[in-house]
Amino acid sequence: MLKVLTVILVAGAMAMAFAHALELPGKMRLGRHEYFVVQRIYYPGFTIGGGIAEVGGIVATFALTLMSSGAVQFRLIAGALAALLGMQLVFWFMTQPINKHWLQEVELTAPAKRFFATEGSDGTTLPPKEEWKALRDRWELSHVLRAGFAMLSLILLTTAIAIESS
């Protein structure tokens, strides 16, 4: 049961990351106003879905790592866990600072305010809003990187499960 749950959670995390990455060509053609209109529709669903899938995937993959049998399976699952943690590093150091910057002037719910921490400065240096293309490019690249980490995690995880089953 843990294996199935882990695959579902990691696949969910990958789906969220790939959804963003697949939009890249279309979003790069948008002007500033259109880009920000489109950008703001993501936060509620992706925050909830991504939070559950990514945090749950990390916890379940960690538990699966502890239960692994054999050195090869352990290394594959540990690699899957490392890739999920890589997704988090990209999010917290590349994506989240831009989310905070863009949402400073948006009315958010109390939980969203806490998550995005738009009140007060966190010391992050970002280009001024006039340089929105630099922000856009960094945000979009972060999601391509996250999608790559998510795919790697799912491949390693399913390979570990397949090896054990054979």
Protein backbone atom coordinates (compact mmCIF):
# COMPACT_ATOMS: atom_id res chain seq x y z
CA MET A 1 0.00 0.00 0.00
CA LEU A 2 2.83 2.43 0.84
CA LYS A 3 4.40 1.85 -2.58
CA VAL A 4 1.16 2.68 -4.39
CA LEU A 5 0.56 5.78 -2.24
CA THR A 6 4.14 6.95 -2.80
CA VAL A 7 3.87 6.58 -6.57
CA ILE A 8 0.54 8.45 -6.59
CA LEU A 9 1.95 11.32 -4.53
CA VAL A 10 5.16 11.61 -6.55
CA ALA A 11 3.17 11.40 -9.80
CA GLY A 12 0.93 14.19 -8.50
CA ALA A 13 3.94 16.35 -7.73
CA MET A 14 5.31 15.65 -11.20
CA ALA A 15 1.95 16.49 -12.80
CA MET A 16 1.90 19.90 -11.11
CA ALA A 17 5.46 20.69 -12.15
CA PHE A 18 4.94 19.48 -15.71
CA ALA A 19 1.74 21.49 -16.06
CA HIS A 20 3.78 24.63 -15.49
CA ALA A 21 6.64 23.52 -17.72
CA LEU A 22 4.34 22.62 -20.63
CA GLU A 23 2.81 26.09 -20.56
CA LEU A 24 6.18 27.74 -21.08
CA PRO A 25 6.01 28.30 -24.87
CA GLY A 26 2.58 29.90 -24.71
CA LYS A 27 3.27 32.01 -21.65
CA MET A 28 6.49 33.39 -23.14
CA ARG A 29 4.36 35.02 -25.88
CA LEU A 30 2.20 36.95 -23.41
CA GLY A 31 2.64 40.62 -22.66
CA ARG A 32 3.14 41.83 -19.09
CA HIS A 33 -0.54 42.45 -18.31
CA GLU A 34 -1.75 39.16 -19.79
CA TYR A 35 1.04 37.22 -18.10
CA PHE A 36 0.09 38.52 -14.65
CA VAL A 37 -3.60 37.86 -15.23
CA VAL A 38 -2.82 34.25 -16.16
CA GLN A 39 -0.24 33.86 -13.39
CA ARG A 40 -2.65 34.72 -10.58
CA ILE A 41 -5.09 31.94 -11.44
CA TYR A 42 -2.56 29.28 -10.42
CA TYR A 43 -1.91 29.98 -6.79
CA PRO A 44 -4.95 28.44 -5.03
CA GLY A 45 -5.01 25.07 -6.81
CA PHE A 46 -1.31 24.60 -7.22
CA THR A 47 -0.58 25.60 -3.63
CA ILE A 48 -3.03 23.06 -2.22
CA GLY A 49 -2.40 20.25 -4.71
CA GLY A 50 1.34 20.77 -4.84
CA GLY A 51 1.62 21.03 -1.09
CA ILE A 52 -0.17 17.75 -0.51
CA ALA A 53 1.62 15.87 -3.30
CA GLU A 54 5.10 17.24 -2.63
CA VAL A 55 5.11 17.05 1.16
CA GLY A 56 3.26 13.74 1.13
CA GLY A 57 5.61 12.40 -1.54
CA ILE A 58 8.67 13.31 0.50
CA VAL A 59 7.27 11.69 3.66
CA ALA A 60 6.13 8.55 1.84
CA THR A 61 9.39 8.22 -0.12
CA PHE A 62 11.38 8.62 3.10
CA ALA A 63 9.28 5.88 4.74
CA LEU A 64 9.77 3.67 1.69
CA THR A 65 13.52 4.27 1.87
CA LEU A 66 13.54 2.96 5.45
CA MET A 67 11.60 -0.13 4.37
CA SER A 68 13.67 -0.89 1.26
CA SER A 69 15.20 -4.31 0.84
CA GLY A 70 18.55 -4.52 -0.86
CA ALA A 71 21.25 -2.03 -1.71
CA VAL A 72 20.08 -1.30 -5.26
CA GLN A 73 16.51 -0.63 -4.22
CA PHE A 74 17.69 1.55 -1.33
CA ARG A 75 19.88 3.65 -3.64
CA LEU A 76 17.10 4.08 -6.19
CA ILE A 77 14.55 5.16 -3.59
CA ALA A 78 17.09 7.40 -1.86
CA GLY A 79 17.79 8.96 -5.27
CA ALA A 80 14.06 9.53 -5.74
CA LEU A 81 13.95 11.23 -2.34
CA ALA A 82 16.96 13.39 -3.23
CA ALA A 83 15.22 14.48 -6.45
CA LEU A 84 12.10 15.45 -4.47
CA LEU A 85 14.28 17.46 -2.12
CA GLY A 86 15.89 19.06 -5.18
CA MET A 87 12.42 20.17 -6.26
CA GLN A 88 12.01 21.83 -2.88
CA LEU A 89 15.35 23.62 -3.11
CA VAL A 90 14.41 25.03 -6.50
CA PHE A 91 11.02 26.10 -5.18
CA TRP A 92 12.26 27.83 -2.04
CA PHE A 93 15.28 29.53 -3.64
CA MET A 94 14.05 30.30 -7.18
CA THR A 95 10.25 30.17 -7.33
CA GLN A 96 9.03 31.35 -3.94
CA PRO A 97 10.93 34.66 -3.86
CA ILE A 98 9.26 35.59 -7.15
CA ASN A 99 5.86 34.46 -5.90
CA LYS A 100 6.30 36.78 -2.92
CA HIS A 101 7.37 39.64 -5.12
CA TRP A 102 4.44 39.26 -7.52
CA LEU A 103 1.83 38.84 -4.80
CA GLN A 104 2.78 41.91 -2.76
CA GLU A 105 -0.10 43.90 -4.21
CA VAL A 106 -2.67 41.08 -4.35
CA GLU A 107 -5.32 40.62 -1.67
CA LEU A 108 -4.68 37.17 -0.20
CA THR A 109 -6.45 34.99 2.33
CA ALA A 110 -4.82 34.64 5.75
CA PRO A 111 -3.33 31.18 4.98
CA ALA A 112 -1.98 32.44 1.65
CA LYS A 113 -0.41 35.45 3.38
CA ARG A 114 1.36 33.12 5.80
CA PHE A 115 2.59 30.79 3.04
CA PHE A 116 3.75 33.50 0.68
CA ALA A 117 4.90 35.77 3.54
CA THR A 118 4.20 38.86 1.50
CA GLU A 119 4.16 41.11 4.55
CA GLY A 120 7.61 42.32 5.52
CA SER A 121 10.92 41.81 3.82
CA ASP A 122 12.78 38.54 3.77
CA GLY A 123 15.98 40.10 2.47
CA THR A 124 15.54 38.67 -1.02
CA THR A 125 16.94 40.89 -3.73
CA LEU A 126 14.82 40.87 -6.85
CA PRO A 127 14.74 43.10 -9.89
CA PRO A 128 12.23 45.95 -9.81
CA LYS A 129 8.79 45.20 -11.22
CA GLU A 130 9.76 46.98 -14.43
CA GLU A 131 12.09 44.08 -15.11
CA TRP A 132 9.21 41.61 -15.18
CA LYS A 133 10.75 39.55 -18.00
CA ALA A 134 13.70 38.62 -15.78
CA LEU A 135 11.26 37.56 -13.07
CA ARG A 136 9.15 35.65 -15.58
CA ASP A 137 12.16 33.86 -17.05
CA ARG A 138 13.43 32.85 -13.60
CA TRP A 139 9.97 31.64 -12.52
CA GLU A 140 9.43 29.67 -15.71
CA LEU A 141 12.94 28.14 -15.61
CA SER A 142 12.38 27.09 -12.01
CA HIS A 143 9.35 25.07 -13.08
CA VAL A 144 11.25 23.37 -15.89
CA LEU A 145 13.93 22.39 -13.34
CA ARG A 146 11.27 21.19 -10.90
CA ALA A 147 9.63 19.11 -13.63
CA GLY A 148 12.99 17.48 -14.38
CA PHE A 149 13.56 16.64 -10.71
CA ALA A 150 10.01 15.29 -10.43
CA MET A 151 10.39 13.07 -13.49
CA LEU A 152 13.72 11.77 -12.22
CA SER A 153 12.13 10.98 -8.86
CA LEU A 154 9.23 9.09 -10.43
CA ILE A 155 11.56 7.13 -12.73
CA LEU A 156 13.84 6.12 -9.86
CA LEU A 157 10.92 5.23 -7.61
CA THR A 158 9.09 3.09 -10.15
CA THR A 159 12.35 1.41 -11.19
CA ALA A 160 13.01 0.48 -7.54
CA ILE A 161 9.52 -1.00 -7.23
CA ALA A 162 9.82 -2.85 -10.55
CA ILE A 163 13.19 -4.33 -9.60
CA GLU A 164 11.76 -5.64 -6.34
CA SER A 165 8.77 -7.16 -8.14
CA SER A 166 10.83 -9.04 -10.73
